Amino acid sequence: MESPYYVYAIYSKSRNYIYVGISNDVQRRLSEHNLGYNKTTKPYRPFILIYDEEFDNRSDARQKEKYLKGGSGRKFLRKRIIE
C-alpha cells in the first residue's frame, strides 16, 4: 500500500503569493520552504500553511493540485488567507 500523499498550499507572509504542492510530509515541506531549500519559493519566505488534504494515492493528489492551481482553486485558497 502506498503511503498517503498530501496536497498543501502555503502563503507568503511577506508577499501576496500562494504555492501549491504535493508531499508525503507536509510539516517537513513547510520547514524546507521556510529554510529556503526550494529555489522557487525562497524569495517569498516566510510561509504559513493555509490548506492541506490527504489522499490515498498520488494520482488523486495530483488532480487536486491541478484544481488548486487553476482559477477556481486559487479563489478557494484566497478565502483561506487570514492576515
PDB file of N, CA and C in Angstrom:
ATOM      1  N   MET A   1       0.841  -1.200   0.000  1.00  0.00           N
ATOM      2  CA  MET A   1       0.000   0.000   0.000  1.00  0.00           C
ATOM      3  C   MET A   1       0.879   1.254   0.000  1.00  0.00           C
ATOM      4  N   GLU A   2       0.470   2.214  -0.784  1.00  0.00           N
ATOM      5  CA  GLU A   2       1.201   3.484  -0.847  1.00  0.00           C
ATOM      6  C   GLU A   2       1.001   4.266   0.448  1.00  0.00           C
ATOM      7  N   SER A   3       2.012   5.025   0.811  1.00  0.00           N
ATOM      8  CA  SER A   3       1.821   5.930   1.940  1.00  0.00           C
ATOM      9  C   SER A   3       0.960   7.091   1.445  1.00  0.00           C
ATOM     10  N   PRO A   4       0.263   7.771   2.352  1.00  0.00           N
ATOM     11  CA  PRO A   4      -0.626   8.846   1.905  1.00  0.00           C
ATOM     12  C   PRO A   4       0.156  10.018   1.308  1.00  0.00           C
ATOM     13  N   TYR A   5      -0.508  10.694   0.400  1.00  0.00           N
ATOM     14  CA  TYR A   5       0.035  11.914  -0.199  1.00  0.00           C
ATOM     15  C   TYR A   5      -0.822  13.074   0.274  1.00  0.00           C
ATOM     16  N   TYR A   6      -0.195  14.212   0.412  1.00  0.00           N
ATOM     17  CA  TYR A   6      -0.901  15.406   0.847  1.00  0.00           C
ATOM     18  C   TYR A   6      -0.725  16.496  -0.197  1.00  0.00           C
ATOM     19  N   VAL A   7      -1.820  17.173  -0.487  1.00  0.00           N
ATOM     20  CA  VAL A   7      -1.749  18.391  -1.284  1.00  0.00           C
ATOM     21  C   VAL A   7      -1.766  19.512  -0.265  1.00  0.00           C
ATOM     22  N   TYR A   8      -0.875  20.466  -0.425  1.00  0.00           N
ATOM     23  CA  TYR A   8      -0.801  21.553   0.542  1.00  0.00           C
ATOM     24  C   TYR A   8      -0.670  22.886  -0.181  1.00  0.00           C
ATOM     25  N   ALA A   9      -1.086  23.928   0.506  1.00  0.00           N
ATOM     26  CA  ALA A   9      -0.920  25.290  -0.002  1.00  0.00           C
ATOM     27  C   ALA A   9      -0.321  26.119   1.116  1.00  0.00           C
ATOM     28  N   ILE A  10       0.704  26.875   0.754  1.00  0.00           N
ATOM     29  CA  ILE A  10       1.341  27.765   1.730  1.00  0.00           C
ATOM     30  C   ILE A  10       1.249  29.196   1.210  1.00  0.00           C
ATOM     31  N   TYR A  11       1.159  30.108   2.150  1.00  0.00           N
ATOM     32  CA  TYR A  11       1.005  31.526   1.813  1.00  0.00           C
ATOM     33  C   TYR A  11       2.186  32.314   2.354  1.00  0.00           C
ATOM     34  N   SER A  12       2.735  33.159   1.505  1.00  0.00           N
ATOM     35  CA  SER A  12       3.858  34.002   1.901  1.00  0.00           C
ATOM     36  C   SER A  12       3.378  35.137   2.798  1.00  0.00           C
ATOM     37  N   LYS A  13       3.999  35.282   3.957  1.00  0.00           N
ATOM     38  CA  LYS A  13       3.654  36.375   4.864  1.00  0.00           C
ATOM     39  C   LYS A  13       4.290  37.694   4.426  1.00  0.00           C
ATOM     40  N   SER A  14       5.295  37.622   3.544  1.00  0.00           N
ATOM     41  CA  SER A  14       5.973  38.847   3.111  1.00  0.00           C
ATOM     42  C   SER A  14       5.450  39.382   1.776  1.00  0.00           C
ATOM     43  N   ARG A  15       4.878  38.513   0.960  1.00  0.00           N
ATOM     44  CA  ARG A  15       4.340  38.929  -0.349  1.00  0.00           C
ATOM     45  C   ARG A  15       3.012  38.228  -0.576  1.00  0.00           C
ATOM     46  N   ASN A  16       2.263  38.691  -1.547  1.00  0.00           N
ATOM     47  CA  ASN A  16       0.955  38.109  -1.853  1.00  0.00           C
ATOM     48  C   ASN A  16       1.149  36.916  -2.794  1.00  0.00           C
ATOM     49  N   TYR A  17       1.585  35.771  -2.236  1.00  0.00           N
ATOM     50  CA  TYR A  17       1.964  34.628  -3.051  1.00  0.00           C
ATOM     51  C   TYR A  17       1.509  33.333  -2.398  1.00  0.00           C
ATOM     52  N   ILE A  18       0.900  32.462  -3.204  1.00  0.00           N
ATOM     53  CA  ILE A  18       0.471  31.138  -2.731  1.00  0.00           C
ATOM     54  C   ILE A  18       1.203  30.085  -3.541  1.00  0.00           C
ATOM     55  N   TYR A  19       1.751  29.091  -2.847  1.00  0.00           N
ATOM     56  CA  TYR A  19       2.418  27.965  -3.509  1.00  0.00           C
ATOM     57  C   TYR A  19       1.625  26.704  -3.184  1.00  0.00           C
ATOM     58  N   VAL A  20       1.359  25.883  -4.205  1.00  0.00           N
ATOM     59  CA  VAL A  20       0.633  24.623  -4.030  1.00  0.00           C
ATOM     60  C   VAL A  20       1.569  23.483  -4.404  1.00  0.00           C
ATOM     61  N   GLY A  21       1.607  22.443  -3.580  1.00  0.00           N
ATOM     62  CA  GLY A  21       2.481  21.306  -3.855  1.00  0.00           C
ATOM     63  C   GLY A  21       1.924  20.006  -3.304  1.00  0.00           C
ATOM     64  N   ILE A  22       2.664  18.922  -3.556  1.00  0.00           N
ATOM     65  CA  ILE A  22       2.320  17.590  -3.065  1.00  0.00           C
ATOM     66  C   ILE A  22       3.500  17.070  -2.247  1.00  0.00           C
ATOM     67  N   SER A  23       3.190  16.386  -1.142  1.00  0.00           N
ATOM     68  CA  SER A  23       4.244  15.804  -0.314  1.00  0.00           C
ATOM     69  C   SER A  23       3.683  14.640   0.489  1.00  0.00           C
ATOM     70  N   ASN A  24       4.577  13.824   1.022  1.00  0.00           N
ATOM     71  CA  ASN A  24       4.130  12.791   1.951  1.00  0.00           C
ATOM     72  C   ASN A  24       4.358  13.236   3.398  1.00  0.00           C
ATOM     73  N   ASP A  25       4.898  14.454   3.590  1.00  0.00           N
ATOM     74  CA  ASP A  25       5.133  15.010   4.921  1.00  0.00           C
ATOM     75  C   ASP A  25       5.031  16.538   4.841  1.00  0.00           C
ATOM     76  N   VAL A  26       3.859  17.052   5.142  1.00  0.00           N
ATOM     77  CA  VAL A  26       3.590  18.485   4.981  1.00  0.00           C
ATOM     78  C   VAL A  26       4.447  19.350   5.906  1.00  0.00           C
ATOM     79  N   GLN A  27       4.606  18.953   7.152  1.00  0.00           N
ATOM     80  CA  GLN A  27       5.387  19.767   8.089  1.00  0.00           C
ATOM     81  C   GLN A  27       6.858  19.857   7.665  1.00  0.00           C
ATOM     82  N   ARG A  28       7.399  18.747   7.163  1.00  0.00           N
ATOM     83  CA  ARG A  28       8.783  18.770   6.658  1.00  0.00           C
ATOM     84  C   ARG A  28       8.901  19.727   5.476  1.00  0.00           C
ATOM     85  N   ARG A  29       7.934  19.660   4.552  1.00  0.00           N
ATOM     86  CA  ARG A  29       7.979  20.528   3.375  1.00  0.00           C
ATOM     87  C   ARG A  29       7.838  22.004   3.756  1.00  0.00           C
ATOM     88  N   LEU A  30       6.943  22.299   4.692  1.00  0.00           N
ATOM     89  CA  LEU A  30       6.777  23.678   5.148  1.00  0.00           C
ATOM     90  C   LEU A  30       8.097  24.187   5.722  1.00  0.00           C
ATOM     91  N   SER A  31       8.746  23.353   6.513  1.00  0.00           N
ATOM     92  CA  SER A  31      10.039  23.708   7.085  1.00  0.00           C
ATOM     93  C   SER A  31      11.073  23.945   5.977  1.00  0.00           C
ATOM     94  N   GLU A  32      11.114  23.073   4.979  1.00  0.00           N
ATOM     95  CA  GLU A  32      12.057  23.235   3.864  1.00  0.00           C
ATOM     96  C   GLU A  32      11.811  24.533   3.101  1.00  0.00           C
ATOM     97  N   HIS A  33      10.535  24.851   2.871  1.00  0.00           N
ATOM     98  CA  HIS A  33      10.211  26.113   2.193  1.00  0.00           C
ATOM     99  C   HIS A  33      10.693  27.301   3.028  1.00  0.00           C
ATOM    100  N   ASN A  34      10.444  27.260   4.326  1.00  0.00           N
ATOM    101  CA  ASN A  34      10.835  28.372   5.201  1.00  0.00           C
ATOM    102  C   ASN A  34      12.340  28.488   5.391  1.00  0.00           C
ATOM    103  N   LEU A  35      13.065  27.390   5.217  1.00  0.00           N
ATOM    104  CA  LEU A  35      14.529  27.421   5.327  1.00  0.00           C
ATOM    105  C   LEU A  35      15.205  27.798   4.003  1.00  0.00           C
ATOM    106  N   GLY A  36      14.408  27.932   2.946  1.00  0.00           N
ATOM    107  CA  GLY A  36      14.955  28.357   1.662  1.00  0.00           C
ATOM    108  C   GLY A  36      15.511  27.241   0.804  1.00  0.00           C
ATOM    109  N   TYR A  37      15.125  25.977   1.062  1.00  0.00           N
ATOM    110  CA  TYR A  37      15.642  24.846   0.291  1.00  0.00           C
ATOM    111  C   TYR A  37      15.043  24.770  -1.113  1.00  0.00           C
ATOM    112  N   ASN A  38      13.892  25.402  -1.307  1.00  0.00           N
ATOM    113  CA  ASN A  38      13.226  25.362  -2.602  1.00  0.00           C
ATOM    114  C   ASN A  38      13.506  26.666  -3.353  1.00  0.00           C
ATOM    115  N   LYS A  39      14.163  26.557  -4.510  1.00  0.00           N
ATOM    116  CA  LYS A  39      14.572  27.738  -5.273  1.00  0.00           C
ATOM    117  C   LYS A  39      13.376  28.615  -5.673  1.00  0.00           C
ATOM    118  N   THR A  40      12.271  27.969  -6.031  1.00  0.00           N
ATOM    119  CA  THR A  40      11.080  28.702  -6.473  1.00  0.00           C
ATOM    120  C   THR A  40      10.493  29.572  -5.369  1.00  0.00           C
ATOM    121  N   THR A  41      10.458  29.048  -4.158  1.00  0.00           N
ATOM    122  CA  THR A  41       9.790  29.766  -3.071  1.00  0.00           C
ATOM    123  C   THR A  41      10.725  30.565  -2.169  1.00  0.00           C
ATOM    124  N   LYS A  42      12.010  30.389  -2.314  1.00  0.00           N
ATOM    125  CA  LYS A  42      12.986  31.048  -1.424  1.00  0.00           C
ATOM    126  C   LYS A  42      12.771  32.560  -1.276  1.00  0.00           C
ATOM    127  N   PRO A  43      12.531  33.300  -2.371  1.00  0.00           N
ATOM    128  CA  PRO A  43      12.359  34.756  -2.218  1.00  0.00           C
ATOM    129  C   PRO A  43      11.076  35.178  -1.498  1.00  0.00           C
ATOM    130  N   TYR A  44      10.153  34.253  -1.294  1.00  0.00           N
ATOM    131  CA  TYR A  44       8.847  34.593  -0.722  1.00  0.00           C
ATOM    132  C   TYR A  44       8.708  34.248   0.758  1.00  0.00           C
ATOM    133  N   ARG A  45       9.772  33.746   1.377  1.00  0.00           N
ATOM    134  CA  ARG A  45       9.711  33.364   2.786  1.00  0.00           C
ATOM    135  C   ARG A  45       9.370  34.556   3.674  1.00  0.00           C
ATOM    136  N   PRO A  46       8.766  34.353   4.848  1.00  0.00           N
ATOM    137  CA  PRO A  46       8.309  33.106   5.461  1.00  0.00           C
ATOM    138  C   PRO A  46       6.895  32.722   5.007  1.00  0.00           C
ATOM    139  N   PHE A  47       6.553  31.444   5.207  1.00  0.00           N
ATOM    140  CA  PHE A  47       5.263  30.899   4.794  1.00  0.00           C
ATOM    141  C   PHE A  47       4.455  30.392   5.976  1.00  0.00           C
ATOM    142  N   ILE A  48       3.137  30.406   5.783  1.00  0.00           N
ATOM    143  CA  ILE A  48       2.231  29.728   6.710  1.00  0.00           C
ATOM    144  C   ILE A  48       1.415  28.735   5.894  1.00  0.00           C
ATOM    145  N   LEU A  49       1.044  27.633   6.527  1.00  0.00           N
ATOM    146  CA  LEU A  49       0.218  26.624   5.876  1.00  0.00           C
ATOM    147  C   LEU A  49      -1.228  27.106   5.894  1.00  0.00           C
ATOM    148  N   ILE A  50      -1.863  27.168   4.720  1.00  0.00           N
ATOM    149  CA  ILE A  50      -3.265  27.601   4.675  1.00  0.00           C
ATOM    150  C   ILE A  50      -4.207  26.470   4.265  1.00  0.00           C
ATOM    151  N   TYR A  51      -3.648  25.349   3.773  1.00  0.00           N
ATOM    152  CA  TYR A  51      -4.500  24.243   3.335  1.00  0.00           C
ATOM    153  C   TYR A  51      -3.683  22.970   3.228  1.00  0.00           C
ATOM    154  N   ASP A  52      -4.272  21.853   3.658  1.00  0.00           N
ATOM    155  CA  ASP A  52      -3.699  20.539   3.363  1.00  0.00           C
ATOM    156  C   ASP A  52      -4.812  19.504   3.358  1.00  0.00           C
ATOM    157  N   GLU A  53      -4.656  18.506   2.500  1.00  0.00           N
ATOM    158  CA  GLU A  53      -5.647  17.441   2.360  1.00  0.00           C
ATOM    159  C   GLU A  53      -4.917  16.147   2.037  1.00  0.00           C
ATOM    160  N   GLU A  54      -5.360  15.064   2.671  1.00  0.00           N
ATOM    161  CA  GLU A  54      -4.720  13.758   2.496  1.00  0.00           C
ATOM    162  C   GLU A  54      -5.404  12.955   1.390  1.00  0.00           C
ATOM    163  N   PHE A  55      -4.587  12.235   0.612  1.00  0.00           N
ATOM    164  CA  PHE A  55      -5.087  11.363  -0.453  1.00  0.00           C
ATOM    165  C   PHE A  55      -4.413  10.007  -0.352  1.00  0.00           C
ATOM    166  N   ASP A  56      -5.127   8.962  -0.791  1.00  0.00           N
ATOM    167  CA  ASP A  56      -4.596   7.596  -0.734  1.00  0.00           C
ATOM    168  C   ASP A  56      -3.551   7.323  -1.804  1.00  0.00           C
ATOM    169  N   ASN A  57      -3.596   8.086  -2.897  1.00  0.00           N
ATOM    170  CA  ASN A  57      -2.637   7.846  -3.980  1.00  0.00           C
ATOM    171  C   ASN A  57      -2.213   9.148  -4.642  1.00  0.00           C
ATOM    172  N   ARG A  58      -1.081   9.088  -5.322  1.00  0.00           N
ATOM    173  CA  ARG A  58      -0.505  10.275  -5.958  1.00  0.00           C
ATOM    174  C   ARG A  58      -1.400  10.827  -7.071  1.00  0.00           C
ATOM    175  N   SER A  59      -2.069   9.934  -7.783  1.00  0.00           N
ATOM    176  CA  SER A  59      -2.923  10.352  -8.894  1.00  0.00           C
ATOM    177  C   SER A  59      -4.051  11.276  -8.423  1.00  0.00           C
ATOM    178  N   ASP A  60      -4.732  10.893  -7.339  1.00  0.00           N
ATOM    179  CA  ASP A  60      -5.808  11.737  -6.798  1.00  0.00           C
ATOM    180  C   ASP A  60      -5.254  13.051  -6.255  1.00  0.00           C
ATOM    181  N   ALA A  61      -4.093  12.977  -5.618  1.00  0.00           N
ATOM    182  CA  ALA A  61      -3.459  14.185  -5.089  1.00  0.00           C
ATOM    183  C   ALA A  61      -3.100  15.132  -6.228  1.00  0.00           C
ATOM    184  N   ARG A  62      -2.589  14.585  -7.307  1.00  0.00           N
ATOM    185  CA  ARG A  62      -2.195  15.406  -8.471  1.00  0.00           C
ATOM    186  C   ARG A  62      -3.412  16.114  -9.074  1.00  0.00           C
ATOM    187  N   GLN A  63      -4.541  15.408  -9.121  1.00  0.00           N
ATOM    188  CA  GLN A  63      -5.776  16.017  -9.639  1.00  0.00           C
ATOM    189  C   GLN A  63      -6.167  17.230  -8.800  1.00  0.00           C
ATOM    190  N   LYS A  64      -6.116  17.078  -7.481  1.00  0.00           N
ATOM    191  CA  LYS A  64      -6.473  18.179  -6.586  1.00  0.00           C
ATOM    192  C   LYS A  64      -5.469  19.321  -6.709  1.00  0.00           C
ATOM    193  N   GLU A  65      -4.193  18.986  -6.859  1.00  0.00           N
ATOM    194  CA  GLU A  65      -3.158  20.011  -7.030  1.00  0.00           C
ATOM    195  C   GLU A  65      -3.452  20.839  -8.283  1.00  0.00           C
ATOM    196  N   LYS A  66      -3.789  20.168  -9.374  1.00  0.00           N
ATOM    197  CA  LYS A  66      -4.105  20.875 -10.625  1.00  0.00           C
ATOM    198  C   LYS A  66      -5.300  21.805 -10.439  1.00  0.00           C
ATOM    199  N   TYR A  67      -6.325  21.309  -9.726  1.00  0.00           N
ATOM    200  CA  TYR A  67      -7.504  22.140  -9.464  1.00  0.00           C
ATOM    201  C   TYR A  67      -7.110  23.402  -8.688  1.00  0.00           C
ATOM    202  N   LEU A  68      -6.310  23.226  -7.632  1.00  0.00           N
ATOM    203  CA  LEU A  68      -5.939  24.361  -6.787  1.00  0.00           C
ATOM    204  C   LEU A  68      -5.060  25.372  -7.517  1.00  0.00           C
ATOM    205  N   LYS A  69      -4.362  24.923  -8.544  1.00  0.00           N
ATOM    206  CA  LYS A  69      -3.514  25.838  -9.315  1.00  0.00           C
ATOM    207  C   LYS A  69      -4.306  26.599 -10.383  1.00  0.00           C
ATOM    208  N   GLY A  70      -5.551  26.184 -10.601  1.00  0.00           N
ATOM    209  CA  GLY A  70      -6.417  26.854 -11.578  1.00  0.00           C
ATOM    210  C   GLY A  70      -7.186  27.998 -10.953  1.00  0.00           C
ATOM    211  N   GLY A  71      -8.014  28.652 -11.737  1.00  0.00           N
ATOM    212  CA  GLY A  71      -8.762  29.831 -11.301  1.00  0.00           C
ATOM    213  C   GLY A  71      -9.671  29.599 -10.109  1.00  0.00           C
ATOM    214  N   SER A  72     -10.531  28.569 -10.177  1.00  0.00           N
ATOM    215  CA  SER A  72     -11.465  28.286  -9.078  1.00  0.00           C
ATOM    216  C   SER A  72     -10.716  27.885  -7.816  1.00  0.00           C
ATOM    217  N   GLY A  73      -9.667  27.089  -7.989  1.00  0.00           N
ATOM    218  CA  GLY A  73      -8.873  26.655  -6.848  1.00  0.00           C
ATOM    219  C   GLY A  73      -8.163  27.812  -6.172  1.00  0.00           C
ATOM    220  N   ARG A  74      -7.618  28.718  -6.969  1.00  0.00           N
ATOM    221  CA  ARG A  74      -6.948  29.907  -6.404  1.00  0.00           C
ATOM    222  C   ARG A  74      -7.930  30.754  -5.605  1.00  0.00           C
ATOM    223  N   LYS A  75      -9.138  30.900  -6.149  1.00  0.00           N
ATOM    224  CA  LYS A  75     -10.168  31.675  -5.460  1.00  0.00           C
ATOM    225  C   LYS A  75     -10.494  31.023  -4.109  1.00  0.00           C
ATOM    226  N   PHE A  76     -10.641  29.688  -4.116  1.00  0.00           N
ATOM    227  CA  PHE A  76     -10.897  28.923  -2.891  1.00  0.00           C
ATOM    228  C   PHE A  76      -9.778  29.166  -1.866  1.00  0.00           C
ATOM    229  N   LEU A  77      -8.517  29.118  -2.311  1.00  0.00           N
ATOM    230  CA  LEU A  77      -7.385  29.298  -1.403  1.00  0.00           C
ATOM    231  C   LEU A  77      -7.315  30.727  -0.873  1.00  0.00           C
ATOM    232  N   ARG A  78      -7.600  31.705  -1.701  1.00  0.00           N
ATOM    233  CA  ARG A  78      -7.559  33.110  -1.266  1.00  0.00           C
ATOM    234  C   ARG A  78      -8.498  33.345  -0.087  1.00  0.00           C
ATOM    235  N   LYS A  79      -9.637  32.638  -0.083  1.00  0.00           N
ATOM    236  CA  LYS A  79     -10.613  32.798   1.008  1.00  0.00           C
ATOM    237  C   LYS A  79     -10.065  32.237   2.325  1.00  0.00           C
ATOM    238  N   ARG A  80      -9.051  31.401   2.263  1.00  0.00           N
ATOM    239  CA  ARG A  80      -8.479  30.765   3.459  1.00  0.00           C
ATOM    240  C   ARG A  80      -7.371  31.602   4.103  1.00  0.00           C
ATOM    241  N   ILE A  81      -7.005  32.688   3.461  1.00  0.00           N
ATOM    242  CA  ILE A  81      -5.905  33.528   3.976  1.00  0.00           C
ATOM    243  C   ILE A  81      -6.447  34.449   5.071  1.00  0.00           C
ATOM    244  N   ILE A  82      -5.844  34.326   6.238  1.00  0.00           N
ATOM    245  CA  ILE A  82      -6.199  35.192   7.365  1.00  0.00           C
ATOM    246  C   ILE A  82      -4.953  35.979   7.734  1.00  0.00           C
ATOM    247  N   GLU A  83      -5.009  37.265   7.538  1.00  0.00           N
ATOM    248  CA  GLU A  83      -3.815  38.084   7.837  1.00  0.00           C
ATOM    249  C   GLU A  83      -4.002  38.872   9.096  1.00  0.00           C
TER     250      GLU A  83
END
